[in-house]
Amino acid sequence: MNKYVFLYVFALLTFCCLHSSSGQRNGRPKFNCNRPGEEFRRCGTACPLTCDNYRSPPKSCTRQCVIGCACKNGLVKDRNGSCVPPSQCLR
């Protein structure tokens, strides 16, 4: 019985690994950063600037790298997730 459990777990892990890498190219996940003002970052911040916080940015933030789409420098995320100049944020 233990042999069958081991084989089942091994097959499940193999399937999960193959399935999770299907969305990757060259070992990197695919990101479609094609919205206006967005760019791909290998090491973005975990505390991005938004319309709600750009005037008083977070004083502390984790130092982890966040891989994915982020607003280009000088832009902030609005409440819809779009990258806009701070001047376009609703007051």
PDB file of N, CA and C in Angstrom:
ATOM      1  N   MET A   1       0.820  -1.197   0.000  1.00  0.00           N
ATOM      2  CA  MET A   1       0.000   0.000   0.000  1.00  0.00           C
ATOM      3  C   MET A   1       0.861   1.258   0.000  1.00  0.00           C
ATOM      4  N   ASN A   2       1.925   1.290   0.777  1.00  0.00           N
ATOM      5  CA  ASN A   2       2.794   2.463   0.828  1.00  0.00           C
ATOM      6  C   ASN A   2       3.409   2.766  -0.529  1.00  0.00           C
ATOM      7  N   LYS A   3       3.684   1.713  -1.300  1.00  0.00           N
ATOM      8  CA  LYS A   3       4.252   1.904  -2.631  1.00  0.00           C
ATOM      9  C   LYS A   3       3.274   2.658  -3.524  1.00  0.00           C
ATOM     10  N   TYR A   4       2.008   2.346  -3.430  1.00  0.00           N
ATOM     11  CA  TYR A   4       1.006   3.006  -4.259  1.00  0.00           C
ATOM     12  C   TYR A   4       0.795   4.461  -3.838  1.00  0.00           C
ATOM     13  N   VAL A   5       0.851   4.710  -2.558  1.00  0.00           N
ATOM     14  CA  VAL A   5       0.735   6.086  -2.073  1.00  0.00           C
ATOM     15  C   VAL A   5       1.910   6.909  -2.583  1.00  0.00           C
ATOM     16  N   PHE A   6       3.109   6.340  -2.499  1.00  0.00           N
ATOM     17  CA  PHE A   6       4.299   7.033  -2.990  1.00  0.00           C
ATOM     18  C   PHE A   6       4.172   7.335  -4.481  1.00  0.00           C
ATOM     19  N   LEU A   7       3.744   6.351  -5.264  1.00  0.00           N
ATOM     20  CA  LEU A   7       3.602   6.553  -6.707  1.00  0.00           C
ATOM     21  C   LEU A   7       2.544   7.613  -7.013  1.00  0.00           C
ATOM     22  N   TYR A   8       1.454   7.602  -6.266  1.00  0.00           N
ATOM     23  CA  TYR A   8       0.403   8.597  -6.473  1.00  0.00           C
ATOM     24  C   TYR A   8       0.917  10.004  -6.171  1.00  0.00           C
ATOM     25  N   VAL A   9       1.601  10.155  -5.052  1.00  0.00           N
ATOM     26  CA  VAL A   9       2.141  11.466  -4.670  1.00  0.00           C
ATOM     27  C   VAL A   9       3.176  11.921  -5.692  1.00  0.00           C
ATOM     28  N   PHE A  10       4.036  11.013  -6.136  1.00  0.00           N
ATOM     29  CA  PHE A  10       5.050  11.354  -7.133  1.00  0.00           C
ATOM     30  C   PHE A  10       4.390  11.811  -8.437  1.00  0.00           C
ATOM     31  N   ALA A  11       3.371  11.081  -8.879  1.00  0.00           N
ATOM     32  CA  ALA A  11       2.679  11.451 -10.116  1.00  0.00           C
ATOM     33  C   ALA A  11       1.986  12.801  -9.964  1.00  0.00           C
ATOM     34  N   LEU A  12       1.388  13.036  -8.818  1.00  0.00           N
ATOM     35  CA  LEU A  12       0.706  14.304  -8.573  1.00  0.00           C
ATOM     36  C   LEU A  12       1.692  15.468  -8.576  1.00  0.00           C
ATOM     37  N   LEU A  13       2.822  15.302  -7.916  1.00  0.00           N
ATOM     38  CA  LEU A  13       3.839  16.359  -7.891  1.00  0.00           C
ATOM     39  C   LEU A  13       4.400  16.622  -9.286  1.00  0.00           C
ATOM     40  N   THR A  14       4.626  15.565 -10.044  1.00  0.00           N
ATOM     41  CA  THR A  14       5.126  15.722 -11.409  1.00  0.00           C
ATOM     42  C   THR A  14       4.125  16.498 -12.257  1.00  0.00           C
ATOM     43  N   PHE A  15       2.853  16.141 -12.155  1.00  0.00           N
ATOM     44  CA  PHE A  15       1.820  16.849 -12.906  1.00  0.00           C
ATOM     45  C   PHE A  15       1.772  18.323 -12.511  1.00  0.00           C
ATOM     46  N   CYS A  16       1.823  18.592 -11.218  1.00  0.00           N
ATOM     47  CA  CYS A  16       1.766  19.982 -10.749  1.00  0.00           C
ATOM     48  C   CYS A  16       2.948  20.793 -11.258  1.00  0.00           C
ATOM     49  N   CYS A  17       4.133  20.196 -11.225  1.00  0.00           N
ATOM     50  CA  CYS A  17       5.327  20.912 -11.697  1.00  0.00           C
ATOM     51  C   CYS A  17       5.244  21.197 -13.191  1.00  0.00           C
ATOM     52  N   LEU A  18       4.805  20.225 -13.955  1.00  0.00           N
ATOM     53  CA  LEU A  18       4.684  20.427 -15.397  1.00  0.00           C
ATOM     54  C   LEU A  18       3.606  21.449 -15.712  1.00  0.00           C
ATOM     55  N   HIS A  19       2.512  21.391 -14.999  1.00  0.00           N
ATOM     56  CA  HIS A  19       1.409  22.322 -15.240  1.00  0.00           C
ATOM     57  C   HIS A  19       1.796  23.749 -14.861  1.00  0.00           C
ATOM     58  N   SER A  20       2.508  23.916 -13.765  1.00  0.00           N
ATOM     59  CA  SER A  20       2.860  25.267 -13.326  1.00  0.00           C
ATOM     60  C   SER A  20       3.901  25.905 -14.227  1.00  0.00           C
ATOM     61  N   SER A  21       4.734  25.117 -14.887  1.00  0.00           N
ATOM     62  CA  SER A  21       5.748  25.706 -15.762  1.00  0.00           C
ATOM     63  C   SER A  21       5.226  25.956 -17.163  1.00  0.00           C
ATOM     64  N   SER A  22       3.986  25.530 -17.464  1.00  0.00           N
ATOM     65  CA  SER A  22       3.460  25.728 -18.814  1.00  0.00           C
ATOM     66  C   SER A  22       3.241  27.196 -19.132  1.00  0.00           C
ATOM     67  N   GLY A  23       3.089  28.047 -18.129  1.00  0.00           N
ATOM     68  CA  GLY A  23       2.915  29.473 -18.350  1.00  0.00           C
ATOM     69  C   GLY A  23       4.226  30.228 -18.310  1.00  0.00           C
ATOM     70  N   GLN A  24       5.329  29.512 -18.443  1.00  0.00           N
ATOM     71  CA  GLN A  24       6.629  30.157 -18.366  1.00  0.00           C
ATOM     72  C   GLN A  24       7.394  29.962 -19.659  1.00  0.00           C
ATOM     73  N   ARG A  25       8.286  30.896 -19.902  1.00  0.00           N
ATOM     74  CA  ARG A  25       9.175  30.797 -21.030  1.00  0.00           C
ATOM     75  C   ARG A  25      10.582  31.047 -20.509  1.00  0.00           C
ATOM     76  N   ASN A  26      11.517  30.171 -20.810  1.00  0.00           N
ATOM     77  CA  ASN A  26      12.895  30.287 -20.328  1.00  0.00           C
ATOM     78  C   ASN A  26      12.952  30.369 -18.808  1.00  0.00           C
ATOM     79  N   GLY A  27      12.064  29.656 -18.131  1.00  0.00           N
ATOM     80  CA  GLY A  27      12.070  29.652 -16.677  1.00  0.00           C
ATOM     81  C   GLY A  27      11.458  30.879 -16.043  1.00  0.00           C
ATOM     82  N   ARG A  28      10.964  31.800 -16.853  1.00  0.00           N
ATOM     83  CA  ARG A  28      10.346  33.022 -16.317  1.00  0.00           C
ATOM     84  C   ARG A  28       8.862  33.020 -16.622  1.00  0.00           C
ATOM     85  N   PRO A  29       8.049  33.473 -15.688  1.00  0.00           N
ATOM     86  CA  PRO A  29       6.616  33.540 -15.967  1.00  0.00           C
ATOM     87  C   PRO A  29       6.304  34.556 -17.058  1.00  0.00           C
ATOM     88  N   LYS A  30       5.222  34.311 -17.780  1.00  0.00           N
ATOM     89  CA  LYS A  30       4.786  35.254 -18.813  1.00  0.00           C
ATOM     90  C   LYS A  30       3.944  36.348 -18.168  1.00  0.00           C
ATOM     91  N   PHE A  31       4.207  37.566 -18.524  1.00  0.00           N
ATOM     92  CA  PHE A  31       3.407  38.696 -18.076  1.00  0.00           C
ATOM     93  C   PHE A  31       3.090  39.545 -19.294  1.00  0.00           C
ATOM     94  N   ASN A  32       1.853  39.923 -19.429  1.00  0.00           N
ATOM     95  CA  ASN A  32       1.447  40.813 -20.513  1.00  0.00           C
ATOM     96  C   ASN A  32       1.293  42.213 -19.937  1.00  0.00           C
ATOM     97  N   CYS A  33       2.380  42.931 -19.926  1.00  0.00           N
ATOM     98  CA  CYS A  33       2.370  44.300 -19.385  1.00  0.00           C
ATOM     99  C   CYS A  33       2.132  45.267 -20.537  1.00  0.00           C
ATOM    100  N   ASN A  34       0.964  45.155 -21.138  1.00  0.00           N
ATOM    101  CA  ASN A  34       0.698  45.957 -22.330  1.00  0.00           C
ATOM    102  C   ASN A  34      -0.320  47.060 -22.088  1.00  0.00           C
ATOM    103  N   ARG A  35      -0.688  47.286 -20.835  1.00  0.00           N
ATOM    104  CA  ARG A  35      -1.579  48.413 -20.542  1.00  0.00           C
ATOM    105  C   ARG A  35      -0.762  49.694 -20.577  1.00  0.00           C
ATOM    106  N   PRO A  36      -1.367  50.805 -20.936  1.00  0.00           N
ATOM    107  CA  PRO A  36      -0.629  52.075 -21.005  1.00  0.00           C
ATOM    108  C   PRO A  36       0.051  52.401 -19.672  1.00  0.00           C
ATOM    109  N   GLY A  37       1.329  52.754 -19.762  1.00  0.00           N
ATOM    110  CA  GLY A  37       2.081  53.154 -18.581  1.00  0.00           C
ATOM    111  C   GLY A  37       2.662  52.015 -17.773  1.00  0.00           C
ATOM    112  N   GLU A  38       2.457  50.772 -18.211  1.00  0.00           N
ATOM    113  CA  GLU A  38       2.982  49.614 -17.486  1.00  0.00           C
ATOM    114  C   GLU A  38       4.277  49.127 -18.094  1.00  0.00           C
ATOM    115  N   GLU A  39       5.080  48.473 -17.263  1.00  0.00           N
ATOM    116  CA  GLU A  39       6.290  47.812 -17.730  1.00  0.00           C
ATOM    117  C   GLU A  39       6.541  46.592 -16.855  1.00  0.00           C
ATOM    118  N   PHE A  40       7.301  45.633 -17.389  1.00  0.00           N
ATOM    119  CA  PHE A  40       7.655  44.439 -16.625  1.00  0.00           C
ATOM    120  C   PHE A  40       8.846  44.754 -15.735  1.00  0.00           C
ATOM    121  N   ARG A  41       8.789  44.287 -14.500  1.00  0.00           N
ATOM    122  CA  ARG A  41       9.918  44.448 -13.574  1.00  0.00           C
ATOM    123  C   ARG A  41      10.247  43.105 -12.949  1.00  0.00           C
ATOM    124  N   ARG A  42      11.525  42.783 -12.971  1.00  0.00           N
ATOM    125  CA  ARG A  42      11.988  41.560 -12.320  1.00  0.00           C
ATOM    126  C   ARG A  42      12.022  41.714 -10.813  1.00  0.00           C
ATOM    127  N   CYS A  43      12.208  42.940 -10.362  1.00  0.00           N
ATOM    128  CA  CYS A  43      12.313  43.178  -8.926  1.00  0.00           C
ATOM    129  C   CYS A  43      11.580  44.468  -8.579  1.00  0.00           C
ATOM    130  N   GLY A  44      10.267  44.410  -8.656  1.00  0.00           N
ATOM    131  CA  GLY A  44       9.457  45.569  -8.306  1.00  0.00           C
ATOM    132  C   GLY A  44       9.181  45.614  -6.812  1.00  0.00           C
ATOM    133  N   THR A  45       8.553  46.676  -6.384  1.00  0.00           N
ATOM    134  CA  THR A  45       8.264  46.855  -4.969  1.00  0.00           C
ATOM    135  C   THR A  45       6.992  46.119  -4.562  1.00  0.00           C
ATOM    136  N   ALA A  46       6.947  45.719  -3.311  1.00  0.00           N
ATOM    137  CA  ALA A  46       5.743  45.106  -2.752  1.00  0.00           C
ATOM    138  C   ALA A  46       4.751  46.179  -2.310  1.00  0.00           C
ATOM    139  N   CYS A  47       5.181  47.433  -2.323  1.00  0.00           N
ATOM    140  CA  CYS A  47       4.331  48.552  -1.880  1.00  0.00           C
ATOM    141  C   CYS A  47       4.295  49.626  -2.963  1.00  0.00           C
ATOM    142  N   PRO A  48       3.612  49.370  -4.074  1.00  0.00           N
ATOM    143  CA  PRO A  48       3.596  50.348  -5.164  1.00  0.00           C
ATOM    144  C   PRO A  48       2.837  51.613  -4.782  1.00  0.00           C
ATOM    145  N   LEU A  49       3.209  52.703  -5.434  1.00  0.00           N
ATOM    146  CA  LEU A  49       2.500  53.958  -5.207  1.00  0.00           C
ATOM    147  C   LEU A  49       1.152  53.915  -5.911  1.00  0.00           C
ATOM    148  N   THR A  50       0.155  54.434  -5.223  1.00  0.00           N
ATOM    149  CA  THR A  50      -1.203  54.478  -5.753  1.00  0.00           C
ATOM    150  C   THR A  50      -1.751  55.889  -5.574  1.00  0.00           C
ATOM    151  N   CYS A  51      -2.909  56.123  -6.161  1.00  0.00           N
ATOM    152  CA  CYS A  51      -3.562  57.423  -5.963  1.00  0.00           C
ATOM    153  C   CYS A  51      -3.861  57.664  -4.485  1.00  0.00           C
ATOM    154  N   ASP A  52      -4.054  56.602  -3.737  1.00  0.00           N
ATOM    155  CA  ASP A  52      -4.383  56.744  -2.319  1.00  0.00           C
ATOM    156  C   ASP A  52      -3.172  57.018  -1.435  1.00  0.00           C
ATOM    157  N   ASN A  53      -1.963  56.611  -1.880  1.00  0.00           N
ATOM    158  CA  ASN A  53      -0.813  56.738  -0.975  1.00  0.00           C
ATOM    159  C   ASN A  53       0.372  57.537  -1.513  1.00  0.00           C
ATOM    160  N   TYR A  54       0.289  58.079  -2.718  1.00  0.00           N
ATOM    161  CA  TYR A  54       1.481  58.715  -3.290  1.00  0.00           C
ATOM    162  C   TYR A  54       1.895  59.976  -2.542  1.00  0.00           C
ATOM    163  N   ARG A  55       0.952  60.636  -1.890  1.00  0.00           N
ATOM    164  CA  ARG A  55       1.305  61.855  -1.140  1.00  0.00           C
ATOM    165  C   ARG A  55       2.019  61.533   0.161  1.00  0.00           C
ATOM    166  N   SER A  56       1.727  60.400   0.724  1.00  0.00           N
ATOM    167  CA  SER A  56       2.439  59.943   1.927  1.00  0.00           C
ATOM    168  C   SER A  56       2.722  58.452   1.756  1.00  0.00           C
ATOM    169  N   PRO A  57       3.818  58.142   1.030  1.00  0.00           N
ATOM    170  CA  PRO A  57       4.153  56.745   0.740  1.00  0.00           C
ATOM    171  C   PRO A  57       4.359  55.944   2.027  1.00  0.00           C
ATOM    172  N   PRO A  58       4.188  54.630   1.941  1.00  0.00           N
ATOM    173  CA  PRO A  58       4.403  53.794   3.121  1.00  0.00           C
ATOM    174  C   PRO A  58       5.808  54.012   3.685  1.00  0.00           C
ATOM    175  N   LYS A  59       5.896  54.155   4.994  1.00  0.00           N
ATOM    176  CA  LYS A  59       7.200  54.389   5.629  1.00  0.00           C
ATOM    177  C   LYS A  59       8.022  53.118   5.701  1.00  0.00           C
ATOM    178  N   SER A  60       7.354  51.993   5.767  1.00  0.00           N
ATOM    179  CA  SER A  60       8.079  50.723   5.781  1.00  0.00           C
ATOM    180  C   SER A  60       7.413  49.772   4.794  1.00  0.00           C
ATOM    181  N   CYS A  61       8.237  48.990   4.159  1.00  0.00           N
ATOM    182  CA  CYS A  61       7.766  48.034   3.164  1.00  0.00           C
ATOM    183  C   CYS A  61       8.722  46.851   3.175  1.00  0.00           C
ATOM    184  N   THR A  62       8.222  45.678   2.881  1.00  0.00           N
ATOM    185  CA  THR A  62       9.115  44.528   2.820  1.00  0.00           C
ATOM    186  C   THR A  62      10.120  44.744   1.701  1.00  0.00           C
ATOM    187  N   ARG A  63      11.279  44.163   1.854  1.00  0.00           N
ATOM    188  CA  ARG A  63      12.338  44.345   0.865  1.00  0.00           C
ATOM    189  C   ARG A  63      12.331  43.251  -0.188  1.00  0.00           C
ATOM    190  N   GLN A  64      11.248  42.524  -0.295  1.00  0.00           N
ATOM    191  CA  GLN A  64      11.177  41.448  -1.273  1.00  0.00           C
ATOM    192  C   GLN A  64      11.017  42.001  -2.684  1.00  0.00           C
ATOM    193  N   CYS A  65      11.485  41.236  -3.642  1.00  0.00           N
ATOM    194  CA  CYS A  65      11.296  41.590  -5.047  1.00  0.00           C
ATOM    195  C   CYS A  65       9.972  41.008  -5.517  1.00  0.00           C
ATOM    196  N   VAL A  66       9.185  41.822  -6.167  1.00  0.00           N
ATOM    197  CA  VAL A  66       7.917  41.365  -6.732  1.00  0.00           C
ATOM    198  C   VAL A  66       8.069  41.360  -8.245  1.00  0.00           C
ATOM    199  N   ILE A  67       7.900  40.187  -8.833  1.00  0.00           N
ATOM    200  CA  ILE A  67       8.024  40.036 -10.279  1.00  0.00           C
ATOM    201  C   ILE A  67       6.665  40.298 -10.909  1.00  0.00           C
ATOM    202  N   GLY A  68       6.643  41.151 -11.921  1.00  0.00           N
ATOM    203  CA  GLY A  68       5.385  41.384 -12.615  1.00  0.00           C
ATOM    204  C   GLY A  68       5.282  42.760 -13.217  1.00  0.00           C
ATOM    205  N   CYS A  69       4.067  43.142 -13.531  1.00  0.00           N
ATOM    206  CA  CYS A  69       3.799  44.434 -14.153  1.00  0.00           C
ATOM    207  C   CYS A  69       3.743  45.520 -13.091  1.00  0.00           C
ATOM    208  N   ALA A  70       4.293  46.667 -13.418  1.00  0.00           N
ATOM    209  CA  ALA A  70       4.287  47.813 -12.508  1.00  0.00           C
ATOM    210  C   ALA A  70       4.169  49.078 -13.338  1.00  0.00           C
ATOM    211  N   CYS A  71       3.768  50.147 -12.682  1.00  0.00           N
ATOM    212  CA  CYS A  71       3.691  51.436 -13.368  1.00  0.00           C
ATOM    213  C   CYS A  71       5.095  51.958 -13.643  1.00  0.00           C
ATOM    214  N   LYS A  72       5.252  52.606 -14.785  1.00  0.00           N
ATOM    215  CA  LYS A  72       6.528  53.242 -15.103  1.00  0.00           C
ATOM    216  C   LYS A  72       6.794  54.357 -14.107  1.00  0.00           C
ATOM    217  N   ASN A  73       8.068  54.739 -13.992  1.00  0.00           N
ATOM    218  CA  ASN A  73       8.442  55.808 -13.063  1.00  0.00           C
ATOM    219  C   ASN A  73       7.631  57.066 -13.342  1.00  0.00           C
ATOM    220  N   GLY A  74       7.160  57.690 -12.273  1.00  0.00           N
ATOM    221  CA  GLY A  74       6.373  58.906 -12.392  1.00  0.00           C
ATOM    222  C   GLY A  74       4.878  58.670 -12.464  1.00  0.00           C
ATOM    223  N   LEU A  75       4.463  57.404 -12.575  1.00  0.00           N
ATOM    224  CA  LEU A  75       3.043  57.068 -12.635  1.00  0.00           C
ATOM    225  C   LEU A  75       2.637  56.302 -11.379  1.00  0.00           C
ATOM    226  N   VAL A  76       1.356  56.355 -11.064  1.00  0.00           N
ATOM    227  CA  VAL A  76       0.815  55.639  -9.910  1.00  0.00           C
ATOM    228  C   VAL A  76      -0.423  54.865 -10.357  1.00  0.00           C
ATOM    229  N   LYS A  77      -0.798  53.845  -9.597  1.00  0.00           N
ATOM    230  CA  LYS A  77      -2.000  53.072  -9.926  1.00  0.00           C
ATOM    231  C   LYS A  77      -3.233  53.776  -9.388  1.00  0.00           C
ATOM    232  N   ASP A  78      -4.249  53.881 -10.250  1.00  0.00           N
ATOM    233  CA  ASP A  78      -5.513  54.431  -9.768  1.00  0.00           C
ATOM    234  C   ASP A  78      -6.372  53.285  -9.231  1.00  0.00           C
ATOM    235  N   ARG A  79      -7.579  53.587  -8.835  1.00  0.00           N
ATOM    236  CA  ARG A  79      -8.437  52.571  -8.215  1.00  0.00           C
ATOM    237  C   ARG A  79      -8.897  51.500  -9.195  1.00  0.00           C
ATOM    238  N   ASN A  80      -8.748  51.762 -10.487  1.00  0.00           N
ATOM    239  CA  ASN A  80      -9.091  50.767 -11.508  1.00  0.00           C
ATOM    240  C   ASN A  80      -7.898  49.917 -11.895  1.00  0.00           C
ATOM    241  N   GLY A  81      -6.725  50.207 -11.312  1.00  0.00           N
ATOM    242  CA  GLY A  81      -5.515  49.458 -11.634  1.00  0.00           C
ATOM    243  C   GLY A  81      -4.762  50.010 -12.826  1.00  0.00           C
ATOM    244  N   SER A  82      -5.176  51.157 -13.342  1.00  0.00           N
ATOM    245  CA  SER A  82      -4.488  51.790 -14.466  1.00  0.00           C
ATOM    246  C   SER A  82      -3.365  52.677 -13.944  1.00  0.00           C
ATOM    247  N   CYS A  83      -2.319  52.811 -14.734  1.00  0.00           N
ATOM    248  CA  CYS A  83      -1.197  53.683 -14.379  1.00  0.00           C
ATOM    249  C   CYS A  83      -1.481  55.086 -14.910  1.00  0.00           C
ATOM    250  N   VAL A  84      -1.466  56.048 -14.020  1.00  0.00           N
ATOM    251  CA  VAL A  84      -1.797  57.428 -14.386  1.00  0.00           C
ATOM    252  C   VAL A  84      -0.813  58.379 -13.714  1.00  0.00           C
ATOM    253  N   PRO A  85      -0.651  59.592 -14.266  1.00  0.00           N
ATOM    254  CA  PRO A  85       0.132  60.602 -13.549  1.00  0.00           C
ATOM    255  C   PRO A  85      -0.618  60.985 -12.275  1.00  0.00           C
ATOM    256  N   PRO A  86       0.096  61.301 -11.208  1.00  0.00           N
ATOM    257  CA  PRO A  86      -0.576  61.685  -9.959  1.00  0.00           C
ATOM    258  C   PRO A  86      -1.574  62.823 -10.143  1.00  0.00           C
ATOM    259  N   SER A  87      -1.330  63.690 -11.120  1.00  0.00           N
ATOM    260  CA  SER A  87      -2.249  64.816 -11.336  1.00  0.00           C
ATOM    261  C   SER A  87      -3.638  64.354 -11.783  1.00  0.00           C
ATOM    262  N   GLN A  88      -3.749  63.120 -12.269  1.00  0.00           N
ATOM    263  CA  GLN A  88      -5.045  62.600 -12.714  1.00  0.00           C
ATOM    264  C   GLN A  88      -5.789  61.835 -11.622  1.00  0.00           C
ATOM    265  N   CYS A  89      -5.196  61.750 -10.446  1.00  0.00           N
ATOM    266  CA  CYS A  89      -5.875  61.072  -9.335  1.00  0.00           C
ATOM    267  C   CYS A  89      -7.004  61.960  -8.836  1.00  0.00           C
ATOM    268  N   LEU A  90      -8.119  61.334  -8.525  1.00  0.00           N
ATOM    269  CA  LEU A  90      -9.246  62.086  -7.975  1.00  0.00           C
ATOM    270  C   LEU A  90      -8.888  62.561  -6.580  1.00  0.00           C
ATOM    271  N   ARG A  91      -9.296  63.735  -6.256  1.00  0.00           N
ATOM    272  CA  ARG A  91      -8.972  64.278  -4.934  1.00  0.00           C
ATOM    273  C   ARG A  91     -10.091  64.037  -3.982  1.00  0.00           C
TER     274      ARG A  91
END
